[in-house]
Amino acid sequence: MTSYRVTAIPLQIAQQVRATLKSPQYGHPAHVEVAKGYGPCRSCLQTFRTGEENRILFTYNPFAGVDPYPSPGPIFIHEKDCTAYEAPGFPNALRELPLILEGMGRGRWLITREQVVRNNVDDVIGRLFALSAVEYIHVRNAEAGCFVAHIERA
């Protein structure tokens, strides 16, 4: 099994959004609402307690600093501070969610994409990283298509 590290959005991005209610990368206004769905939060990588927690929706480009061509999309974070995900392995809270993993290569080129089925995320990560052209993996929500997290070899 390939050793890997899952990273959430940078803590500085989450802090700026909470402080300004604007997307730090684009200046677009952010929107606060009571969670109507599971999310997850792109900072702590935990699902939202639907109907109980407030979440912030804002525009985020997961390729900033990687490639000059932007690919912004909507993501959610908790309205209140939460602990950024830094644990080893794949977050348990994400294992049961509908996910697609995208194996990305040099120049941000999409090499392969595979849907996670029946909690086989570790197998999918292993298969994607077995391809030498895959430099990193993006985790996406299979229902909404939005960015969830970044995975790199450890």
C-alpha atoms as a PDB file:
ATOM      1  CA  MET A   1       0.000   0.000   0.000  1.00  0.00           C
ATOM      2  CA  THR A   2       1.294   3.416  -0.963  1.00  0.00           C
ATOM      3  CA  SER A   3       1.862   5.747   1.961  1.00  0.00           C
ATOM      4  CA  TYR A   4      -0.065   8.973   1.463  1.00  0.00           C
ATOM      5  CA  ARG A   5      -1.158  12.193   3.147  1.00  0.00           C
ATOM      6  CA  VAL A   6      -4.591  13.827   2.841  1.00  0.00           C
ATOM      7  CA  THR A   7      -4.635  17.611   3.065  1.00  0.00           C
ATOM      8  CA  ALA A   8      -7.540  19.971   3.462  1.00  0.00           C
ATOM      9  CA  ILE A   9      -7.664  23.542   2.196  1.00  0.00           C
ATOM     10  CA  PRO A  10      -4.981  25.800   3.713  1.00  0.00           C
ATOM     11  CA  LEU A  11      -5.883  27.025   7.198  1.00  0.00           C
ATOM     12  CA  GLN A  12      -5.130  30.608   6.134  1.00  0.00           C
ATOM     13  CA  ILE A  13      -7.857  30.398   3.444  1.00  0.00           C
ATOM     14  CA  ALA A  14     -10.436  29.187   5.984  1.00  0.00           C
ATOM     15  CA  GLN A  15      -9.448  31.890   8.462  1.00  0.00           C
ATOM     16  CA  GLN A  16      -9.716  34.639   5.824  1.00  0.00           C
ATOM     17  CA  VAL A  17     -13.139  33.456   4.705  1.00  0.00           C
ATOM     18  CA  ARG A  18     -14.424  33.439   8.269  1.00  0.00           C
ATOM     19  CA  ALA A  19     -12.990  36.903   8.958  1.00  0.00           C
ATOM     20  CA  THR A  20     -14.117  38.638   5.744  1.00  0.00           C
ATOM     21  CA  LEU A  21     -16.973  36.504   4.357  1.00  0.00           C
ATOM     22  CA  LYS A  22     -15.269  36.727   0.966  1.00  0.00           C
ATOM     23  CA  SER A  23     -13.359  34.251  -1.155  1.00  0.00           C
ATOM     24  CA  PRO A  24      -9.677  35.128  -0.559  1.00  0.00           C
ATOM     25  CA  GLN A  25      -8.761  34.008  -4.071  1.00  0.00           C
ATOM     26  CA  TYR A  26     -11.485  35.903  -5.944  1.00  0.00           C
ATOM     27  CA  GLY A  27     -13.113  38.451  -3.648  1.00  0.00           C
ATOM     28  CA  HIS A  28     -16.552  36.975  -4.294  1.00  0.00           C
ATOM     29  CA  PRO A  29     -18.940  37.229  -1.340  1.00  0.00           C
ATOM     30  CA  ALA A  30     -19.300  34.130   0.806  1.00  0.00           C
ATOM     31  CA  HIS A  31     -22.695  32.870   1.948  1.00  0.00           C
ATOM     32  CA  VAL A  32     -23.549  31.626   5.462  1.00  0.00           C
ATOM     33  CA  GLU A  33     -26.414  29.177   5.946  1.00  0.00           C
ATOM     34  CA  VAL A  34     -27.546  26.375   8.221  1.00  0.00           C
ATOM     35  CA  ALA A  35     -26.199  23.108   6.837  1.00  0.00           C
ATOM     36  CA  LYS A  36     -28.766  21.537   4.528  1.00  0.00           C
ATOM     37  CA  GLY A  37     -26.520  18.644   3.629  1.00  0.00           C
ATOM     38  CA  TYR A  38     -23.531  16.648   4.836  1.00  0.00           C
ATOM     39  CA  GLY A  39     -20.876  18.803   3.144  1.00  0.00           C
ATOM     40  CA  PRO A  40     -18.160  18.030   4.205  1.00  0.00           C
ATOM     41  CA  CYS A  41     -16.173  20.916   5.698  1.00  0.00           C
ATOM     42  CA  ARG A  42     -13.070  21.373   3.528  1.00  0.00           C
ATOM     43  CA  SER A  43     -10.991  22.390   6.540  1.00  0.00           C
ATOM     44  CA  CYS A  44     -11.590  19.680   9.170  1.00  0.00           C
ATOM     45  CA  LEU A  45     -12.922  17.151   6.611  1.00  0.00           C
ATOM     46  CA  GLN A  46     -15.839  16.259   8.879  1.00  0.00           C
ATOM     47  CA  THR A  47     -19.447  16.116   7.752  1.00  0.00           C
ATOM     48  CA  PHE A  48     -21.873  18.808   8.868  1.00  0.00           C
ATOM     49  CA  ARG A  49     -24.631  18.185  11.370  1.00  0.00           C
ATOM     50  CA  THR A  50     -27.541  18.963   9.059  1.00  0.00           C
ATOM     51  CA  GLY A  51     -29.918  21.580  10.432  1.00  0.00           C
ATOM     52  CA  GLU A  52     -27.607  22.314  13.393  1.00  0.00           C
ATOM     53  CA  GLU A  53     -24.332  23.850  12.194  1.00  0.00           C
ATOM     54  CA  ASN A  54     -23.771  26.941  10.104  1.00  0.00           C
ATOM     55  CA  ARG A  55     -21.532  26.578   7.101  1.00  0.00           C
ATOM     56  CA  ILE A  56     -19.922  29.074   4.749  1.00  0.00           C
ATOM     57  CA  LEU A  57     -20.116  28.590   0.994  1.00  0.00           C
ATOM     58  CA  PHE A  58     -17.392  30.276  -1.067  1.00  0.00           C
ATOM     59  CA  THR A  59     -15.430  30.031  -4.314  1.00  0.00           C
ATOM     60  CA  TYR A  60     -12.153  28.105  -4.153  1.00  0.00           C
ATOM     61  CA  ASN A  61      -9.505  27.164  -6.714  1.00  0.00           C
ATOM     62  CA  PRO A  62      -7.708  23.966  -5.621  1.00  0.00           C
ATOM     63  CA  PHE A  63      -5.073  24.465  -8.334  1.00  0.00           C
ATOM     64  CA  ALA A  64      -3.858  27.876  -7.114  1.00  0.00           C
ATOM     65  CA  GLY A  65      -0.067  27.825  -7.077  1.00  0.00           C
ATOM     66  CA  VAL A  66       0.000  24.627  -9.140  1.00  0.00           C
ATOM     67  CA  ASP A  67      -1.101  25.882 -12.532  1.00  0.00           C
ATOM     68  CA  PRO A  68      -2.022  29.338 -13.879  1.00  0.00           C
ATOM     69  CA  TYR A  69      -5.293  28.084 -15.414  1.00  0.00           C
ATOM     70  CA  PRO A  70      -7.971  28.473 -12.725  1.00  0.00           C
ATOM     71  CA  SER A  71     -10.663  25.917 -11.947  1.00  0.00           C
ATOM     72  CA  PRO A  72     -12.756  27.591  -9.254  1.00  0.00           C
ATOM     73  CA  GLY A  73     -15.731  25.929  -7.684  1.00  0.00           C
ATOM     74  CA  PRO A  74     -17.959  26.090  -4.620  1.00  0.00           C
ATOM     75  CA  ILE A  75     -16.888  24.579  -1.302  1.00  0.00           C
ATOM     76  CA  PHE A  76     -18.116  24.684   2.313  1.00  0.00           C
ATOM     77  CA  ILE A  77     -16.372  25.183   5.636  1.00  0.00           C
ATOM     78  CA  HIS A  78     -17.717  25.443   9.173  1.00  0.00           C
ATOM     79  CA  GLU A  79     -18.682  28.997  10.107  1.00  0.00           C
ATOM     80  CA  LYS A  80     -16.912  28.600  13.454  1.00  0.00           C
ATOM     81  CA  ASP A  81     -13.271  27.649  13.782  1.00  0.00           C
ATOM     82  CA  CYS A  82     -12.581  23.950  13.474  1.00  0.00           C
ATOM     83  CA  THR A  83      -9.383  21.946  13.713  1.00  0.00           C
ATOM     84  CA  ALA A  84      -7.788  21.503  10.301  1.00  0.00           C
ATOM     85  CA  TYR A  85      -7.415  17.861   9.251  1.00  0.00           C
ATOM     86  CA  GLU A  86      -3.861  16.640   9.820  1.00  0.00           C
ATOM     87  CA  ALA A  87      -4.340  13.019  10.891  1.00  0.00           C
ATOM     88  CA  PRO A  88      -2.674  10.129   9.076  1.00  0.00           C
ATOM     89  CA  GLY A  89      -4.684   8.141   6.561  1.00  0.00           C
ATOM     90  CA  PHE A  90      -7.998   8.857   4.922  1.00  0.00           C
ATOM     91  CA  PRO A  91     -10.587  10.702   7.065  1.00  0.00           C
ATOM     92  CA  ASN A  92     -13.151   8.296   8.495  1.00  0.00           C
ATOM     93  CA  ALA A  93     -15.918  10.884   8.059  1.00  0.00           C
ATOM     94  CA  LEU A  94     -15.392  10.811   4.273  1.00  0.00           C
ATOM     95  CA  ARG A  95     -15.288   7.031   3.821  1.00  0.00           C
ATOM     96  CA  GLU A  96     -19.048   6.579   3.454  1.00  0.00           C
ATOM     97  CA  LEU A  97     -19.595   9.572   1.152  1.00  0.00           C
ATOM     98  CA  PRO A  98     -20.033   9.363  -2.629  1.00  0.00           C
ATOM     99  CA  LEU A  99     -16.532  10.179  -3.848  1.00  0.00           C
ATOM    100  CA  ILE A 100     -14.556  10.280  -7.071  1.00  0.00           C
ATOM    101  CA  LEU A 101     -10.765  10.272  -6.997  1.00  0.00           C
ATOM    102  CA  GLU A 102      -8.910  12.014  -9.814  1.00  0.00           C
ATOM    103  CA  GLY A 103      -5.311  11.020 -10.496  1.00  0.00           C
ATOM    104  CA  MET A 104      -3.529  14.157 -11.690  1.00  0.00           C
ATOM    105  CA  GLY A 105      -0.259  14.294 -13.596  1.00  0.00           C
ATOM    106  CA  ARG A 106       2.308  16.869 -14.632  1.00  0.00           C
ATOM    107  CA  GLY A 107       0.807  20.131 -15.812  1.00  0.00           C
ATOM    108  CA  ARG A 108      -2.379  19.337 -13.886  1.00  0.00           C
ATOM    109  CA  TRP A 109      -3.352  16.811 -16.539  1.00  0.00           C
ATOM    110  CA  LEU A 110      -6.121  14.378 -15.581  1.00  0.00           C
ATOM    111  CA  ILE A 111      -4.608  10.883 -15.926  1.00  0.00           C
ATOM    112  CA  THR A 112      -7.462   8.809 -14.537  1.00  0.00           C
ATOM    113  CA  ARG A 113     -10.633   9.045 -12.488  1.00  0.00           C
ATOM    114  CA  GLU A 114     -12.289   6.358 -10.394  1.00  0.00           C
ATOM    115  CA  GLN A 115     -15.433   6.324  -8.281  1.00  0.00           C
ATOM    116  CA  VAL A 116     -15.142   4.975  -4.749  1.00  0.00           C
ATOM    117  CA  VAL A 117     -17.510   2.040  -4.256  1.00  0.00           C
ATOM    118  CA  ARG A 118     -18.356   0.259  -0.994  1.00  0.00           C
ATOM    119  CA  ASN A 119     -15.690   2.000   1.054  1.00  0.00           C
ATOM    120  CA  ASN A 120     -12.788   0.874  -1.157  1.00  0.00           C
ATOM    121  CA  VAL A 121     -11.029   4.245  -0.991  1.00  0.00           C
ATOM    122  CA  ASP A 122      -7.673   2.794   0.106  1.00  0.00           C
ATOM    123  CA  ASP A 123      -7.704   0.368  -2.839  1.00  0.00           C
ATOM    124  CA  VAL A 124      -8.525   3.188  -5.264  1.00  0.00           C
ATOM    125  CA  ILE A 125      -5.741   5.391  -3.860  1.00  0.00           C
ATOM    126  CA  GLY A 126      -3.312   2.484  -4.265  1.00  0.00           C
ATOM    127  CA  ARG A 127      -4.373   1.857  -7.873  1.00  0.00           C
ATOM    128  CA  LEU A 128      -4.079   5.522  -8.812  1.00  0.00           C
ATOM    129  CA  PHE A 129      -0.659   5.961  -7.193  1.00  0.00           C
ATOM    130  CA  ALA A 130       0.526   2.723  -8.871  1.00  0.00           C
ATOM    131  CA  LEU A 131       0.420   4.727 -12.117  1.00  0.00           C
ATOM    132  CA  SER A 132       3.773   6.499 -12.401  1.00  0.00           C
ATOM    133  CA  ALA A 133       2.191   9.450 -14.228  1.00  0.00           C
ATOM    134  CA  VAL A 134      -0.077  10.260 -11.260  1.00  0.00           C
ATOM    135  CA  GLU A 135       1.615  12.925  -9.131  1.00  0.00           C
ATOM    136  CA  TYR A 136      -1.293  13.654  -6.778  1.00  0.00           C
ATOM    137  CA  ILE A 137      -4.985  12.887  -6.328  1.00  0.00           C
ATOM    138  CA  HIS A 138      -7.968  15.165  -5.920  1.00  0.00           C
ATOM    139  CA  VAL A 139     -10.947  13.910  -3.931  1.00  0.00           C
ATOM    140  CA  ARG A 140     -14.273  15.149  -5.312  1.00  0.00           C
ATOM    141  CA  ASN A 141     -17.879  14.742  -4.269  1.00  0.00           C
ATOM    142  CA  ALA A 142     -19.466  12.329  -6.752  1.00  0.00           C
ATOM    143  CA  GLU A 143     -22.891  13.992  -6.434  1.00  0.00           C
ATOM    144  CA  ALA A 144     -21.910  17.657  -6.785  1.00  0.00           C
ATOM    145  CA  GLY A 145     -18.509  17.311  -8.455  1.00  0.00           C
ATOM    146  CA  CYS A 146     -16.868  19.801  -6.098  1.00  0.00           C
ATOM    147  CA  PHE A 147     -13.377  19.573  -4.624  1.00  0.00           C
ATOM    148  CA  VAL A 148     -13.062  17.922  -1.200  1.00  0.00           C
ATOM    149  CA  ALA A 149      -9.352  17.286  -0.490  1.00  0.00           C
ATOM    150  CA  HIS A 150      -5.884  16.735  -1.930  1.00  0.00           C
ATOM    151  CA  ILE A 151      -3.868  13.510  -1.569  1.00  0.00           C
ATOM    152  CA  GLU A 152      -0.126  13.247  -2.101  1.00  0.00           C
ATOM    153  CA  ARG A 153       2.402  10.506  -1.614  1.00  0.00           C
ATOM    154  CA  ALA A 154       3.993  10.627   1.849  1.00  0.00           C
END
